[in-house]
């Protein structure tokens, strides 16, 4: 997706597992510690979204999706999260870092849903994505045509929002694709169409 270089954001996708001992805590203690976590994150001033992954992934119960112009702000909020009561019961299972950058393929002027402050959708599906060497050996005009086909297919599903960010040099992957949707069946239809 397109963005102004002066308005670049770092995206952090942090998936966490919860220690089973957490479930044995009294409900009131869990509610108080949840408010403590909410206060830490809201007072950090960075953009964030939370998603339950319970029953959807075997390696995580929830996802914190952070966006900030400064990577140190993300590190600071996560370190403060670990100092909370709840923070003592969580372990990261996957963490991805990426950054917004202008795309040579996307239309000019498009913005990331998350950064624009749009209402979150019910689900976020996060894909770490690596393109093969063969992709980069294709002529630029051929790559552009292929990407235009993908963009055209994506436009058939306006209710699904794609946030594309770049991980080159920041992580093992090349890109992070974060799809936001309210209906997982429609998302699956989109992916099947893209694979054709």
Protein backbone atom coordinates (compact mmCIF):
# COMPACT_ATOMS: atom_id res chain seq x y z
CA UNK A 1 0.00 0.00 0.00
CA UNK A 2 1.06 3.53 -0.62
CA UNK A 3 2.34 5.89 2.03
CA UNK A 4 4.31 9.08 2.35
CA UNK A 5 7.93 8.38 3.39
CA UNK A 6 7.55 11.03 6.12
CA UNK A 7 4.58 9.10 7.49
CA UNK A 8 6.18 5.66 7.63
CA UNK A 9 4.95 3.36 10.39
CA UNK A 10 6.48 0.28 11.92
CA UNK A 11 4.01 -2.58 12.32
CA UNK A 12 4.53 -5.16 15.03
CA UNK A 13 2.46 -8.34 15.09
CA UNK A 14 2.96 -10.06 18.46
CA UNK A 15 1.23 -13.38 19.04
CA UNK A 16 1.10 -14.64 22.64
CA UNK A 17 0.35 -17.83 24.52
CA UNK A 18 -1.23 -17.62 27.97
CA UNK A 19 0.01 -19.75 30.85
CA UNK A 20 -2.81 -22.16 31.89
CA UNK A 21 -2.36 -20.93 35.50
CA UNK A 22 -4.00 -17.68 34.37
CA UNK A 23 -7.33 -19.48 34.01
CA UNK A 24 -7.26 -20.44 37.71
CA UNK A 25 -7.09 -16.83 38.87
CA UNK A 26 -10.19 -15.25 40.40
CA UNK A 27 -12.36 -13.42 37.85
CA UNK A 28 -11.99 -10.10 39.69
CA UNK A 29 -8.17 -10.37 39.60
CA UNK A 30 -8.30 -11.14 35.87
CA UNK A 31 -10.56 -8.13 35.23
CA UNK A 32 -8.25 -5.81 37.20
CA UNK A 33 -5.17 -7.04 35.37
CA UNK A 34 -6.95 -6.64 32.00
CA UNK A 35 -7.64 -2.99 32.90
CA UNK A 36 -3.98 -2.59 33.85
CA UNK A 37 -2.91 -3.87 30.41
CA UNK A 38 -5.43 -1.60 28.68
CA UNK A 39 -4.12 1.43 30.61
CA UNK A 40 -0.51 0.62 29.71
CA UNK A 41 -1.30 0.32 26.01
CA UNK A 42 -3.67 3.31 25.80
CA UNK A 43 -1.24 5.56 27.69
CA UNK A 44 1.59 4.57 25.33
CA UNK A 45 0.01 6.71 22.60
CA UNK A 46 0.75 4.18 19.86
CA UNK A 47 -1.91 2.70 17.60
CA UNK A 48 -2.98 -0.82 18.50
CA UNK A 49 -5.51 -3.52 17.85
CA UNK A 50 -6.14 -6.76 19.68
CA UNK A 51 -7.53 -10.00 18.30
CA UNK A 52 -8.41 -13.30 19.90
CA UNK A 53 -6.83 -16.27 18.15
CA UNK A 54 -8.29 -18.76 20.63
CA UNK A 55 -9.23 -21.93 18.75
CA UNK A 56 -7.83 -20.51 15.50
CA UNK A 57 -4.13 -21.12 16.09
CA UNK A 58 -2.39 -23.74 18.20
CA UNK A 59 0.55 -21.47 18.99
CA UNK A 60 -1.28 -18.40 20.33
CA UNK A 61 -4.38 -17.22 22.17
CA UNK A 62 -4.23 -13.58 21.13
CA UNK A 63 -2.54 -11.03 18.88
CA UNK A 64 -1.44 -7.49 19.67
CA UNK A 65 -1.01 -5.47 16.47
CA UNK A 66 0.95 -2.27 17.12
CA UNK A 67 1.71 0.61 14.75
CA UNK A 68 4.11 3.42 15.54
CA UNK A 69 6.41 5.84 13.72
CA UNK A 70 9.11 4.87 16.20
CA UNK A 71 10.11 1.22 16.79
CA UNK A 72 11.35 2.10 20.29
CA UNK A 73 7.78 3.05 21.27
CA UNK A 74 6.69 -0.48 20.40
CA UNK A 75 9.53 -1.95 22.42
CA UNK A 76 8.63 0.31 25.34
CA UNK A 77 4.96 -0.68 25.42
CA UNK A 78 5.81 -4.39 25.20
CA UNK A 79 8.35 -4.09 28.03
CA UNK A 80 5.71 -2.32 30.16
CA UNK A 81 3.21 -5.02 29.25
CA UNK A 82 5.55 -7.64 30.74
CA UNK A 83 5.65 -5.68 34.02
CA UNK A 84 1.88 -6.04 34.52
CA UNK A 85 0.28 -8.92 36.43
CA UNK A 86 -1.03 -10.32 33.13
CA UNK A 87 2.43 -9.94 31.58
CA UNK A 88 3.79 -12.55 33.97
CA UNK A 89 1.44 -15.13 32.43
CA UNK A 90 2.14 -14.58 28.73
CA UNK A 91 4.85 -15.80 26.38
CA UNK A 92 5.40 -14.57 22.81
CA UNK A 93 5.00 -17.35 20.26
CA UNK A 94 5.53 -15.33 17.05
CA UNK A 95 6.66 -11.76 16.54
CA UNK A 96 6.91 -9.97 13.19
CA UNK A 97 8.20 -6.49 12.43
CA UNK A 98 7.56 -4.60 9.21
CA UNK A 99 7.42 -1.04 7.90
CA UNK A 100 5.15 0.90 5.57
CA UNK A 101 6.81 1.88 2.30
CA UNK A 102 5.62 3.10 -1.09
CA UNK A 103 4.77 0.24 -3.43
CA UNK A 104 5.77 0.26 -7.08
CA UNK A 105 2.69 -1.86 -7.83
CA UNK A 106 -0.17 -0.26 -5.87
CA UNK A 107 -2.17 2.77 -6.92
CA UNK A 108 -0.86 6.10 -5.73
CA UNK A 109 -2.59 7.66 -2.77
CA UNK A 110 -3.93 4.50 -1.11
CA UNK A 111 -3.57 4.35 2.66
CA UNK A 112 -3.37 1.62 5.26
CA UNK A 113 -6.66 1.02 7.05
CA UNK A 114 -5.04 0.69 10.45
CA UNK A 115 -2.98 3.88 10.19
CA UNK A 116 -5.97 5.80 8.82
CA UNK A 117 -7.85 4.99 12.02
CA UNK A 118 -10.63 2.96 10.38
CA UNK A 119 -12.75 0.77 12.63
CA UNK A 120 -11.18 -2.66 13.13
CA UNK A 121 -12.77 -5.68 11.53
CA UNK A 122 -13.61 -8.81 13.49
CA UNK A 123 -10.60 -10.82 12.27
CA UNK A 124 -7.02 -10.15 11.25
CA UNK A 125 -5.24 -12.82 9.22
CA UNK A 126 -1.48 -12.24 9.15
CA UNK A 127 0.71 -13.76 6.43
CA UNK A 128 4.49 -13.53 6.57
CA UNK A 129 5.37 -13.58 2.86
CA UNK A 130 8.60 -14.25 0.98
CA UNK A 131 8.91 -13.91 -2.78
CA UNK A 132 11.26 -16.29 -4.55
CA UNK A 133 14.37 -15.28 -6.45
CA UNK A 134 12.53 -16.24 -9.64
CA UNK A 135 10.01 -13.45 -8.97
CA UNK A 136 12.73 -10.81 -8.88
CA UNK A 137 14.28 -12.17 -12.08
CA UNK A 138 11.06 -11.48 -14.02
CA UNK A 139 10.97 -8.23 -16.02
CA UNK A 140 9.35 -5.35 -14.12
CA UNK A 141 6.48 -5.01 -16.62
CA UNK A 142 5.62 -8.72 -16.22
CA UNK A 143 5.62 -8.40 -12.43
CA UNK A 144 3.44 -5.29 -12.75
CA UNK A 145 0.87 -7.19 -14.86
CA UNK A 146 0.73 -10.01 -12.33
CA UNK A 147 0.26 -7.59 -9.45
CA UNK A 148 -2.46 -5.74 -11.36
CA UNK A 149 -4.31 -9.06 -11.70
CA UNK A 150 -4.06 -9.57 -7.93
CA UNK A 151 -5.23 -6.02 -7.26
CA UNK A 152 -8.18 -6.54 -9.63
CA UNK A 153 -9.20 -9.73 -7.82
CA UNK A 154 -8.87 -7.97 -4.47
CA UNK A 155 -11.21 -5.20 -5.64
CA UNK A 156 -13.98 -7.81 -5.99
CA UNK A 157 -13.89 -8.09 -2.17
CA UNK A 158 -14.20 -4.49 -0.91
CA UNK A 159 -15.18 -5.72 2.55
CA UNK A 160 -11.71 -7.24 2.99
CA UNK A 161 -8.93 -4.80 3.77
CA UNK A 162 -5.31 -5.56 2.92
CA UNK A 163 -2.44 -3.90 4.79
CA UNK A 164 0.88 -4.62 3.05
CA UNK A 165 4.08 -3.73 4.85
CA UNK A 166 7.72 -4.55 4.20
CA UNK A 167 10.06 -6.65 6.32
CA UNK A 168 13.19 -6.54 4.13
CA UNK A 169 16.18 -6.45 6.48
CA UNK A 170 13.93 -6.32 9.56
CA UNK A 171 12.80 -9.94 9.60
CA UNK A 172 13.29 -13.19 7.70
CA UNK A 173 10.29 -12.49 5.45
CA UNK A 174 10.01 -9.93 2.65
CA UNK A 175 6.48 -8.70 3.37
CA UNK A 176 3.74 -8.87 5.95
CA UNK A 177 0.22 -9.13 4.60
CA UNK A 178 -2.47 -8.37 7.17
CA UNK A 179 -6.00 -8.97 5.93
CA UNK A 180 -8.85 -7.50 7.97
CA UNK A 181 -12.31 -9.00 7.54
CA UNK A 182 -15.59 -9.70 9.30
CA UNK A 183 -16.31 -12.97 7.44
CA UNK A 184 -13.61 -15.66 7.24
CA UNK A 185 -15.51 -17.45 4.43
CA UNK A 186 -15.24 -14.36 2.22
CA UNK A 187 -11.55 -14.14 3.05
CA UNK A 188 -11.11 -17.77 2.03
CA UNK A 189 -12.94 -17.04 -1.24
CA UNK A 190 -10.53 -14.17 -1.91
CA UNK A 191 -7.49 -16.38 -1.32
CA UNK A 192 -8.89 -19.09 -3.60
CA UNK A 193 -9.50 -16.50 -6.33
CA UNK A 194 -5.97 -15.14 -5.92
CA UNK A 195 -4.46 -18.59 -6.26
CA UNK A 196 -6.20 -19.10 -9.61
